Amino acid sequence: MVSRFTAIGWATQGLSDVSSRKGPKHAAGKARRHSAGLIIFDPDRRVLLLRAYRYWDFPKGAVEPGESVLQAATREAEEETGPRALRFPWGEPSYTTEPYSNNKVAEYFVAATDELSIVLGVNPELGRPEHHEGRWCAETEAKALLNDRVRRALEWAMKRIGDEDSP
């Protein structure tokens, strides 16, 4: 696995297991928390966003012991939005955000799907969906909804998919 820090975050080539990830620690020595997510595109190049309160993001969540980051990202997307046939036509490189919220980082992969239904899954710990809304958004709308940290991940994903026709 090759990782490098770019002007917009960590870019990683290949799969990784979170147990082997040795990222920098917070100045206070607090270990990084790692979440895994997918930036999912439909055939019209719209991206799937989820809203929790006023915050928009891609489907993502914690990496469980023994899971690769990609396996966790795929599981989280299905738990949060319903099962769907996911493809990875742009390969499996990932983008990792800068640290946020108590030294957490999010690592995103780019996926494609033809399945447009969004079923907000119930989080067993909460007894309700953890998101309030799911929406397919064109690039301009998505950029307007996302904060800077997540918008940089979308910009990276848009470069990955390039000017190809639908995936």
Foldseek 3Di string as FASTA:
>chain_A
DDWDQDPQAIKFPDWAAVVPDDDDADPVRHDEFEKEAEFEAELQRWTKWFAQPLAIAGQMDGDDPPDISVRRHQVSNCQAWNDFDKDQPLHFMWGWFAADDRRYIYIYGYIYGNDDHGDGHQDPVVRGRNTDDMDGGHLVVVCVSHDPRRNSRVVVNCVSVDPDRGD
